[in-house]
C-alpha atoms as a PDB file:
ATOM      1  CA  MET A   1     260.407 128.144 263.055  1.00  0.00           C
ATOM      2  CA  ARG A   2     257.083 129.418 261.791  1.00  0.00           C
ATOM      3  CA  PHE A   3     253.684 128.111 262.915  1.00  0.00           C
ATOM      4  CA  ALA A   4     250.039 128.788 262.063  1.00  0.00           C
ATOM      5  CA  HIS A   5     246.571 127.500 262.886  1.00  0.00           C
ATOM      6  CA  VAL A   6     244.873 126.279 259.718  1.00  0.00           C
ATOM      7  CA  VAL A   7     241.352 124.903 259.297  1.00  0.00           C
ATOM      8  CA  PRO A   8     241.468 121.888 256.937  1.00  0.00           C
ATOM      9  CA  ASP A   9     238.801 121.491 254.249  1.00  0.00           C
ATOM     10  CA  GLY A  10     235.607 120.097 255.741  1.00  0.00           C
ATOM     11  CA  ALA A  11     236.861 120.418 259.314  1.00  0.00           C
ATOM     12  CA  ASP A  12     235.577 122.563 262.162  1.00  0.00           C
ATOM     13  CA  ASP A  13     238.683 122.726 264.338  1.00  0.00           C
ATOM     14  CA  PRO A  14     241.986 124.342 263.405  1.00  0.00           C
ATOM     15  CA  GLN A  15     245.188 122.340 263.251  1.00  0.00           C
ATOM     16  CA  LEU A  16     248.659 123.569 264.123  1.00  0.00           C
ATOM     17  CA  VAL A  17     250.966 123.503 261.116  1.00  0.00           C
ATOM     18  CA  LEU A  18     254.670 124.146 260.713  1.00  0.00           C
ATOM     19  CA  VAL A  19     255.351 126.406 257.759  1.00  0.00           C
ATOM     20  CA  GLU A  20     258.462 126.540 255.580  1.00  0.00           C
ATOM     21  CA  SER A  21     258.325 128.952 252.665  1.00  0.00           C
ATOM     22  CA  ASP A  22     255.239 127.921 250.629  1.00  0.00           C
ATOM     23  CA  ARG A  23     254.752 124.493 252.205  1.00  0.00           C
ATOM     24  CA  ALA A  24     253.388 123.189 255.504  1.00  0.00           C
ATOM     25  CA  THR A  25     253.151 120.035 257.570  1.00  0.00           C
ATOM     26  CA  VAL A  26     250.627 119.150 260.276  1.00  0.00           C
ATOM     27  CA  VAL A  27     252.446 119.138 263.612  1.00  0.00           C
ATOM     28  CA  SER A  28     250.251 116.467 265.221  1.00  0.00           C
ATOM     29  CA  ASP A  29     251.352 114.027 262.475  1.00  0.00           C
ATOM     30  CA  LEU A  30     255.045 114.331 263.330  1.00  0.00           C
ATOM     31  CA  PHE A  31     255.040 111.854 266.250  1.00  0.00           C
ATOM     32  CA  ASP A  32     252.720 110.247 268.789  1.00  0.00           C
ATOM     33  CA  GLY A  33     251.529 112.844 271.259  1.00  0.00           C
ATOM     34  CA  ALA A  34     252.616 115.802 269.140  1.00  0.00           C
ATOM     35  CA  PRO A  35     250.614 118.983 269.864  1.00  0.00           C
ATOM     36  CA  SER A  36     247.646 120.010 267.746  1.00  0.00           C
ATOM     37  CA  ALA A  37     247.553 123.628 268.980  1.00  0.00           C
ATOM     38  CA  LEU A  38     250.141 126.301 269.630  1.00  0.00           C
ATOM     39  CA  GLN A  39     249.213 126.599 273.310  1.00  0.00           C
ATOM     40  CA  GLU A  40     250.086 122.920 273.835  1.00  0.00           C
ATOM     41  CA  LEU A  41     253.402 123.431 272.070  1.00  0.00           C
ATOM     42  CA  ILE A  42     254.286 126.436 274.208  1.00  0.00           C
ATOM     43  CA  GLU A  43     253.327 124.704 277.442  1.00  0.00           C
ATOM     44  CA  GLY A  44     255.520 121.750 276.446  1.00  0.00           C
ATOM     45  CA  GLY A  45     258.604 123.908 276.730  1.00  0.00           C
ATOM     46  CA  GLU A  46     261.895 123.727 274.883  1.00  0.00           C
ATOM     47  CA  ALA A  47     261.983 119.907 274.917  1.00  0.00           C
ATOM     48  CA  LEU A  48     258.717 119.631 272.974  1.00  0.00           C
ATOM     49  CA  LEU A  49     259.773 122.324 270.514  1.00  0.00           C
ATOM     50  CA  GLU A  50     262.993 120.403 269.845  1.00  0.00           C
ATOM     51  CA  ARG A  51     260.999 117.207 269.199  1.00  0.00           C
ATOM     52  CA  VAL A  52     258.932 119.099 266.644  1.00  0.00           C
ATOM     53  CA  ARG A  53     262.085 120.480 265.070  1.00  0.00           C
ATOM     54  CA  ALA A  54     263.577 117.005 264.812  1.00  0.00           C
ATOM     55  CA  GLY A  55     260.358 115.494 263.463  1.00  0.00           C
ATOM     56  CA  ALA A  56     260.186 118.061 260.706  1.00  0.00           C
ATOM     57  CA  SER A  57     263.272 116.562 259.066  1.00  0.00           C
ATOM     58  CA  SER A  58     261.259 113.523 257.984  1.00  0.00           C
ATOM     59  CA  ALA A  59     257.837 115.167 257.655  1.00  0.00           C
ATOM     60  CA  THR A  60     255.405 114.947 254.774  1.00  0.00           C
ATOM     61  CA  TRP A  61     255.025 118.437 253.362  1.00  0.00           C
ATOM     62  CA  HIS A  62     252.123 119.889 251.398  1.00  0.00           C
ATOM     63  CA  PRO A  63     251.754 123.104 249.392  1.00  0.00           C
ATOM     64  CA  LEU A  64     250.405 125.880 251.604  1.00  0.00           C
ATOM     65  CA  ASP A  65     248.237 127.213 248.754  1.00  0.00           C
ATOM     66  CA  GLU A  66     245.518 129.477 250.234  1.00  0.00           C
ATOM     67  CA  PRO A  67     244.511 127.919 253.555  1.00  0.00           C
ATOM     68  CA  VAL A  68     241.798 129.102 255.897  1.00  0.00           C
ATOM     69  CA  PHE A  69     243.678 130.557 258.855  1.00  0.00           C
ATOM     70  CA  ALA A  70     242.388 130.702 262.407  1.00  0.00           C
ATOM     71  CA  SER A  71     243.784 133.140 264.940  1.00  0.00           C
ATOM     72  CA  ALA A  72     247.504 132.554 265.454  1.00  0.00           C
ATOM     73  CA  ILE A  73     246.744 132.525 269.191  1.00  0.00           C
ATOM     74  CA  LEU A  74     244.031 130.251 270.587  1.00  0.00           C
ATOM     75  CA  ASP A  75     242.991 129.449 274.163  1.00  0.00           C
ATOM     76  CA  ASN A  76     245.803 131.534 275.618  1.00  0.00           C
ATOM     77  CA  PRO A  77     245.670 132.564 279.295  1.00  0.00           C
ATOM     78  CA  VAL A  78     245.203 136.275 278.607  1.00  0.00           C
ATOM     79  CA  THR A  79     245.842 138.958 276.018  1.00  0.00           C
ATOM     80  CA  ILE A  80     247.465 142.053 277.496  1.00  0.00           C
ATOM     81  CA  ALA A  81     247.513 145.251 275.462  1.00  0.00           C
ATOM     82  CA  ILE A  82     249.838 148.211 275.837  1.00  0.00           C
ATOM     83  CA  GLY A  83     248.565 151.678 274.976  1.00  0.00           C
ATOM     84  CA  LEU A  84     250.442 154.852 274.059  1.00  0.00           C
ATOM     85  CA  ASN A  85     253.742 153.037 273.527  1.00  0.00           C
ATOM     86  CA  TYR A  86     254.893 155.171 270.593  1.00  0.00           C
ATOM     87  CA  ALA A  87     255.310 158.921 271.079  1.00  0.00           C
ATOM     88  CA  ALA A  88     253.832 159.735 267.668  1.00  0.00           C
ATOM     89  CA  HIS A  89     250.654 157.767 268.407  1.00  0.00           C
ATOM     90  CA  SER A  90     250.080 159.218 271.880  1.00  0.00           C
ATOM     91  CA  SER A  91     250.631 162.715 270.491  1.00  0.00           C
ATOM     92  CA  GLU A  92     248.228 162.295 267.592  1.00  0.00           C
ATOM     93  CA  LEU A  93     245.488 161.064 269.973  1.00  0.00           C
ATOM     94  CA  GLY A  94     246.113 164.017 272.292  1.00  0.00           C
ATOM     95  CA  LEU A  95     246.939 161.668 275.164  1.00  0.00           C
ATOM     96  CA  LYS A  96     249.935 161.782 277.476  1.00  0.00           C
ATOM     97  CA  ALA A  97     252.375 158.876 277.418  1.00  0.00           C
ATOM     98  CA  ASP A  98     253.070 158.175 281.090  1.00  0.00           C
ATOM     99  CA  ALA A  99     256.372 157.049 282.572  1.00  0.00           C
ATOM    100  CA  ALA A 100     254.747 153.669 283.255  1.00  0.00           C
ATOM    101  CA  PRO A 101     253.071 151.654 280.462  1.00  0.00           C
ATOM    102  CA  THR A 102     249.321 151.987 279.898  1.00  0.00           C
ATOM    103  CA  ILE A 103     247.921 148.462 280.342  1.00  0.00           C
ATOM    104  CA  PHE A 104     244.553 146.845 279.650  1.00  0.00           C
ATOM    105  CA  THR A 105     243.239 143.430 278.616  1.00  0.00           C
ATOM    106  CA  LEU A 106     241.442 142.258 275.487  1.00  0.00           C
ATOM    107  CA  TRP A 107     238.520 139.863 275.652  1.00  0.00           C
ATOM    108  CA  PRO A 108     238.915 136.343 274.185  1.00  0.00           C
ATOM    109  CA  GLY A 109     236.122 136.762 271.631  1.00  0.00           C
ATOM    110  CA  SER A 110     238.025 139.545 269.923  1.00  0.00           C
ATOM    111  CA  LEU A 111     240.646 137.140 268.538  1.00  0.00           C
ATOM    112  CA  SER A 112     240.380 136.562 264.806  1.00  0.00           C
ATOM    113  CA  GLY A 113     242.473 135.201 261.961  1.00  0.00           C
ATOM    114  CA  HIS A 114     244.088 136.282 258.712  1.00  0.00           C
ATOM    115  CA  ARG A 115     241.615 137.095 255.917  1.00  0.00           C
ATOM    116  CA  HIS A 116     238.636 136.890 258.283  1.00  0.00           C
ATOM    117  CA  THR A 117     235.777 139.375 258.060  1.00  0.00           C
ATOM    118  CA  THR A 118     235.209 141.570 261.111  1.00  0.00           C
ATOM    119  CA  THR A 119     231.658 142.883 261.413  1.00  0.00           C
ATOM    120  CA  TRP A 120     230.230 145.570 263.674  1.00  0.00           C
ATOM    121  CA  SER A 121     227.044 147.591 263.911  1.00  0.00           C
ATOM    122  CA  ARG A 122     226.911 151.192 262.755  1.00  0.00           C
ATOM    123  CA  SER A 123     224.821 151.901 265.848  1.00  0.00           C
ATOM    124  CA  LEU A 124     227.776 150.916 268.035  1.00  0.00           C
ATOM    125  CA  SER A 125     230.484 152.881 266.236  1.00  0.00           C
ATOM    126  CA  GLU A 126     231.198 154.740 263.020  1.00  0.00           C
ATOM    127  CA  SER A 127     234.755 155.607 264.131  1.00  0.00           C
ATOM    128  CA  VAL A 128     236.545 152.268 263.904  1.00  0.00           C
ATOM    129  CA  ASP A 129     240.305 152.558 263.493  1.00  0.00           C
ATOM    130  CA  TYR A 130     243.288 150.308 262.741  1.00  0.00           C
ATOM    131  CA  GLU A 131     246.483 149.816 264.806  1.00  0.00           C
ATOM    132  CA  ALA A 132     249.447 147.718 263.649  1.00  0.00           C
ATOM    133  CA  GLU A 133     251.178 146.088 266.611  1.00  0.00           C
ATOM    134  CA  LEU A 134     253.929 143.587 267.377  1.00  0.00           C
ATOM    135  CA  GLY A 135     252.538 140.665 269.355  1.00  0.00           C
ATOM    136  CA  VAL A 136     254.848 139.052 271.916  1.00  0.00           C
ATOM    137  CA  ILE A 137     254.084 135.521 273.143  1.00  0.00           C
ATOM    138  CA  VAL A 138     255.370 134.403 276.530  1.00  0.00           C
ATOM    139  CA  GLY A 139     257.114 131.028 276.778  1.00  0.00           C
ATOM    140  CA  PRO A 140     258.563 130.052 280.153  1.00  0.00           C
ATOM    141  CA  ALA A 141     256.440 131.544 282.930  1.00  0.00           C
ATOM    142  CA  ALA A 142     257.766 134.954 283.948  1.00  0.00           C
ATOM    143  CA  ARG A 143     257.606 136.173 287.545  1.00  0.00           C
ATOM    144  CA  ASP A 144     259.618 139.160 288.693  1.00  0.00           C
ATOM    145  CA  VAL A 145     262.185 138.756 285.904  1.00  0.00           C
ATOM    146  CA  SER A 146     264.976 141.247 285.365  1.00  0.00           C
ATOM    147  CA  LEU A 147     265.285 143.442 282.319  1.00  0.00           C
ATOM    148  CA  GLU A 148     268.372 141.479 281.282  1.00  0.00           C
ATOM    149  CA  ASP A 149     266.541 138.123 281.435  1.00  0.00           C
ATOM    150  CA  ALA A 150     263.175 139.236 280.074  1.00  0.00           C
ATOM    151  CA  LEU A 151     263.668 138.180 276.446  1.00  0.00           C
ATOM    152  CA  ASP A 152     264.522 134.652 277.642  1.00  0.00           C
ATOM    153  CA  HIS A 153     260.811 134.396 278.507  1.00  0.00           C
ATOM    154  CA  VAL A 154     259.626 135.260 274.982  1.00  0.00           C
ATOM    155  CA  TRP A 155     258.553 132.206 272.980  1.00  0.00           C
ATOM    156  CA  GLY A 156     257.737 133.996 269.750  1.00  0.00           C
ATOM    157  CA  TYR A 157     256.201 136.899 267.878  1.00  0.00           C
ATOM    158  CA  THR A 158     253.164 137.550 265.708  1.00  0.00           C
ATOM    159  CA  VAL A 159     251.330 140.416 264.002  1.00  0.00           C
ATOM    160  CA  VAL A 160     248.317 142.040 265.687  1.00  0.00           C
ATOM    161  CA  ASN A 161     245.774 144.553 264.410  1.00  0.00           C
ATOM    162  CA  ASP A 162     244.373 146.265 267.500  1.00  0.00           C
ATOM    163  CA  ILE A 163     241.123 147.484 265.932  1.00  0.00           C
ATOM    164  CA  THR A 164     239.574 150.261 268.009  1.00  0.00           C
ATOM    165  CA  ALA A 165     236.209 152.030 268.226  1.00  0.00           C
ATOM    166  CA  ARG A 166     237.575 155.538 268.850  1.00  0.00           C
ATOM    167  CA  ASP A 167     234.296 157.149 269.913  1.00  0.00           C
ATOM    168  CA  ILE A 168     233.883 154.536 272.647  1.00  0.00           C
ATOM    169  CA  GLN A 169     237.557 154.836 273.599  1.00  0.00           C
ATOM    170  CA  PHE A 170     237.147 158.538 274.323  1.00  0.00           C
ATOM    171  CA  SER A 171     233.828 158.116 276.137  1.00  0.00           C
ATOM    172  CA  GLU A 172     234.929 155.456 278.637  1.00  0.00           C
ATOM    173  CA  ALA A 173     237.746 155.474 281.177  1.00  0.00           C
ATOM    174  CA  GLN A 174     238.846 151.900 280.431  1.00  0.00           C
ATOM    175  CA  TRP A 175     239.831 150.756 276.942  1.00  0.00           C
ATOM    176  CA  SER A 176     239.032 147.053 277.010  1.00  0.00           C
ATOM    177  CA  ARG A 177     235.522 147.257 275.520  1.00  0.00           C
ATOM    178  CA  CYS A 178     236.345 149.615 272.665  1.00  0.00           C
ATOM    179  CA  LYS A 179     239.029 147.185 271.470  1.00  0.00           C
ATOM    180  CA  SER A 180     237.276 143.901 272.250  1.00  0.00           C
ATOM    181  CA  PHE A 181     234.320 143.749 269.871  1.00  0.00           C
ATOM    182  CA  ASP A 182     234.087 140.310 268.267  1.00  0.00           C
ATOM    183  CA  GLY A 183     236.890 140.060 265.723  1.00  0.00           C
ATOM    184  CA  PHE A 184     238.638 143.280 266.786  1.00  0.00           C
ATOM    185  CA  THR A 185     241.962 141.527 267.526  1.00  0.00           C
ATOM    186  CA  PRO A 186     243.129 139.761 264.367  1.00  0.00           C
ATOM    187  CA  THR A 187     246.437 137.917 264.843  1.00  0.00           C
ATOM    188  CA  GLY A 188     248.799 136.063 262.563  1.00  0.00           C
ATOM    189  CA  PRO A 189     248.797 134.537 260.141  1.00  0.00           C
ATOM    190  CA  PHE A 190     252.059 133.202 261.566  1.00  0.00           C
ATOM    191  CA  VAL A 191     253.881 132.928 264.860  1.00  0.00           C
ATOM    192  CA  VAL A 192     257.640 132.902 264.503  1.00  0.00           C
ATOM    193  CA  THR A 193     259.844 131.559 267.278  1.00  0.00           C
ATOM    194  CA  ALA A 194     262.016 134.030 269.145  1.00  0.00           C
ATOM    195  CA  ASP A 195     265.242 132.778 267.559  1.00  0.00           C
ATOM    196  CA  GLU A 196     263.935 134.080 264.209  1.00  0.00           C
ATOM    197  CA  VAL A 197     263.820 137.655 265.561  1.00  0.00           C
ATOM    198  CA  PRO A 198     267.277 138.649 266.823  1.00  0.00           C
ATOM    199  CA  ASP A 199     266.136 142.132 267.852  1.00  0.00           C
ATOM    200  CA  PRO A 200     262.416 142.891 268.411  1.00  0.00           C
ATOM    201  CA  GLN A 201     263.281 146.608 268.405  1.00  0.00           C
ATOM    202  CA  ASP A 202     264.544 146.496 264.818  1.00  0.00           C
ATOM    203  CA  LEU A 203     261.440 145.572 262.836  1.00  0.00           C
ATOM    204  CA  HIS A 204     259.627 147.484 260.090  1.00  0.00           C
ATOM    205  CA  ILE A 205     255.906 147.764 260.951  1.00  0.00           C
ATOM    206  CA  TRP A 206     253.251 149.141 258.605  1.00  0.00           C
ATOM    207  CA  THR A 207     249.556 149.329 257.657  1.00  0.00           C
ATOM    208  CA  VAL A 208     247.757 149.603 254.320  1.00  0.00           C
ATOM    209  CA  VAL A 209     244.060 150.539 254.221  1.00  0.00           C
ATOM    210  CA  ASP A 210     242.230 150.187 250.897  1.00  0.00           C
ATOM    211  CA  GLY A 211     245.515 150.345 249.019  1.00  0.00           C
ATOM    212  CA  ARG A 212     246.954 153.337 250.892  1.00  0.00           C
ATOM    213  CA  THR A 213     249.916 153.098 253.261  1.00  0.00           C
ATOM    214  CA  VAL A 214     248.859 154.797 256.499  1.00  0.00           C
ATOM    215  CA  GLN A 215     251.419 153.545 259.032  1.00  0.00           C
ATOM    216  CA  ASP A 216     255.119 153.106 258.301  1.00  0.00           C
ATOM    217  CA  ALA A 217     257.461 152.891 261.276  1.00  0.00           C
ATOM    218  CA  SER A 218     259.972 150.844 263.264  1.00  0.00           C
ATOM    219  CA  THR A 219     259.479 148.949 266.511  1.00  0.00           C
ATOM    220  CA  GLY A 220     262.623 150.765 267.610  1.00  0.00           C
ATOM    221  CA  GLN A 221     260.354 153.762 268.238  1.00  0.00           C
ATOM    222  CA  MET A 222     258.633 152.068 271.196  1.00  0.00           C
ATOM    223  CA  ILE A 223     258.739 154.077 274.408  1.00  0.00           C
ATOM    224  CA  HIS A 224     258.795 150.863 276.457  1.00  0.00           C
ATOM    225  CA  PRO A 225     260.640 148.119 274.536  1.00  0.00           C
ATOM    226  CA  VAL A 226     259.674 144.457 274.652  1.00  0.00           C
ATOM    227  CA  ALA A 227     262.156 143.494 277.376  1.00  0.00           C
ATOM    228  CA  LYS A 228     260.954 146.298 279.624  1.00  0.00           C
ATOM    229  CA  LEU A 229     257.298 145.345 279.118  1.00  0.00           C
ATOM    230  CA  VAL A 230     257.900 141.691 280.016  1.00  0.00           C
ATOM    231  CA  SER A 231     259.933 142.637 283.083  1.00  0.00           C
ATOM    232  CA  TYR A 232     257.458 145.302 284.217  1.00  0.00           C
ATOM    233  CA  LEU A 233     254.362 143.106 283.825  1.00  0.00           C
ATOM    234  CA  SER A 234     256.032 140.182 285.582  1.00  0.00           C
ATOM    235  CA  ARG A 235     256.631 142.198 288.751  1.00  0.00           C
ATOM    236  CA  SER A 236     252.994 142.109 289.827  1.00  0.00           C
ATOM    237  CA  ALA A 237     251.748 138.792 288.420  1.00  0.00           C
ATOM    238  CA  THR A 238     253.119 135.669 286.797  1.00  0.00           C
ATOM    239  CA  LEU A 239     252.973 135.820 283.006  1.00  0.00           C
ATOM    240  CA  LEU A 240     251.816 132.324 282.077  1.00  0.00           C
ATOM    241  CA  PRO A 241     252.979 130.443 278.986  1.00  0.00           C
ATOM    242  CA  GLY A 242     251.012 131.573 275.934  1.00  0.00           C
ATOM    243  CA  THR A 243     250.213 135.038 277.261  1.00  0.00           C
ATOM    244  CA  LEU A 244     249.989 137.469 274.346  1.00  0.00           C
ATOM    245  CA  ILE A 245     251.286 141.003 274.830  1.00  0.00           C
ATOM    246  CA  SER A 246     250.230 143.448 272.117  1.00  0.00           C
ATOM    247  CA  THR A 247     252.898 146.110 272.376  1.00  0.00           C
ATOM    248  CA  GLY A 248     251.253 149.268 271.054  1.00  0.00           C
ATOM    249  CA  SER A 249     250.912 151.025 267.723  1.00  0.00           C
ATOM    250  CA  PRO A 250     253.023 153.629 265.931  1.00  0.00           C
ATOM    251  CA  GLY A 251     251.744 156.923 264.571  1.00  0.00           C
ATOM    252  CA  GLY A 252     249.426 157.195 261.582  1.00  0.00           C
ATOM    253  CA  ALA A 253     246.069 156.243 263.090  1.00  0.00           C
ATOM    254  CA  GLY A 254     243.043 157.182 261.038  1.00  0.00           C
ATOM    255  CA  TYR A 255     241.548 159.213 263.872  1.00  0.00           C
ATOM    256  CA  SER A 256     244.350 161.767 263.707  1.00  0.00           C
ATOM    257  CA  ARG A 257     244.341 162.312 259.950  1.00  0.00           C
ATOM    258  CA  ASP A 258     242.852 165.280 258.139  1.00  0.00           C
ATOM    259  CA  PRO A 259     240.497 164.165 256.773  1.00  0.00           C
ATOM    260  CA  GLN A 260     240.072 161.260 259.170  1.00  0.00           C
ATOM    261  CA  ILE A 261     240.263 157.714 257.829  1.00  0.00           C
ATOM    262  CA  PHE A 262     238.031 155.157 259.507  1.00  0.00           C
ATOM    263  CA  LEU A 263     237.373 151.592 258.428  1.00  0.00           C
ATOM    264  CA  ARG A 264     234.333 151.527 256.180  1.00  0.00           C
ATOM    265  CA  ASP A 265     231.955 148.865 254.991  1.00  0.00           C
ATOM    266  CA  ARG A 266     234.018 146.619 252.683  1.00  0.00           C
ATOM    267  CA  SER A 267     237.341 148.181 253.699  1.00  0.00           C
ATOM    268  CA  THR A 268     240.401 145.943 253.548  1.00  0.00           C
ATOM    269  CA  VAL A 269     243.183 146.566 256.049  1.00  0.00           C
ATOM    270  CA  THR A 270     246.556 144.815 256.025  1.00  0.00           C
ATOM    271  CA  VAL A 271     249.066 145.236 258.829  1.00  0.00           C
ATOM    272  CA  GLY A 272     252.523 143.764 258.505  1.00  0.00           C
ATOM    273  CA  ILE A 273     255.856 143.335 260.198  1.00  0.00           C
ATOM    274  CA  ASP A 274     258.819 142.457 258.030  1.00  0.00           C
ATOM    275  CA  GLY A 275     260.116 138.970 258.792  1.00  0.00           C
ATOM    276  CA  ILE A 276     256.946 137.938 260.636  1.00  0.00           C
ATOM    277  CA  GLY A 277     254.031 138.311 258.244  1.00  0.00           C
ATOM    278  CA  GLU A 278     251.165 140.264 256.720  1.00  0.00           C
ATOM    279  CA  LEU A 279     247.724 140.131 258.339  1.00  0.00           C
ATOM    280  CA  THR A 280     244.631 141.093 256.322  1.00  0.00           C
ATOM    281  CA  THR A 281     241.148 141.846 257.658  1.00  0.00           C
ATOM    282  CA  PHE A 282     237.976 142.498 255.683  1.00  0.00           C
ATOM    283  CA  CYS A 283     235.426 144.871 257.205  1.00  0.00           C
ATOM    284  CA  ARG A 284     231.630 144.809 257.106  1.00  0.00           C
ATOM    285  CA  ILE A 285     229.302 147.272 258.825  1.00  0.00           C
ATOM    286  CA  THR A 286     225.686 146.423 259.572  1.00  0.00           C
ATOM    287  CA  ASP A 287     222.870 148.873 260.282  1.00  0.00           C
END
């Protein structure tokens, strides 16, 4: 199943919709007490998801057209990011990929949606980069889970662009701030349930900046695959339902190119994962 948060015309708050091909239905209209946000749906567990699935058979569907998307993830417990999880990316940044994953968190205000405009000040950074990443969403709470059982705790997947101010990244020991400017974590437009992705390590992932393909890889190139990340993170703390894990970016970052490619005023960047979706962000730089 495929879900998104869409802001209806004239409304302020996003609604959770179920998407099939080029049509959608509002989930909260399916039955009394149906969830209006993805976080509610995830927290409701498998029983609530099955009620939504059953309700969809008699739903009223509408053309998807060109909706206003909100972030695919809203009000989640935490967003955990994984750095240096592809050998090509760690090498091009001149950083060593450790035996254990590099872990940091992203601030809630960084979440943004498909076709939103992300704005930052030139005085803060002129070295803003793109990073296509597979987003993993936790379903059943995970605490000290085994590698073999880890994927049973994945509710679904989405697309993430882990936008990064490289100059700040290399001037500070911790990476949260350089990746957490307002709007620096676009997600979506869709979340697909885990049953739609038989193997998270067999997905084509790519980025196009201003019409040029700059990243083109497979999630099979991850140093620490999804199951290992879920198991590893769950050893020290419970991963709550709705936790988003952004699993790292493949090679091809703008910082490493000659000449370098950074996001400019009025740049358009699209990151995509086959079978999950394409996520576009518009860029504006202020003085």
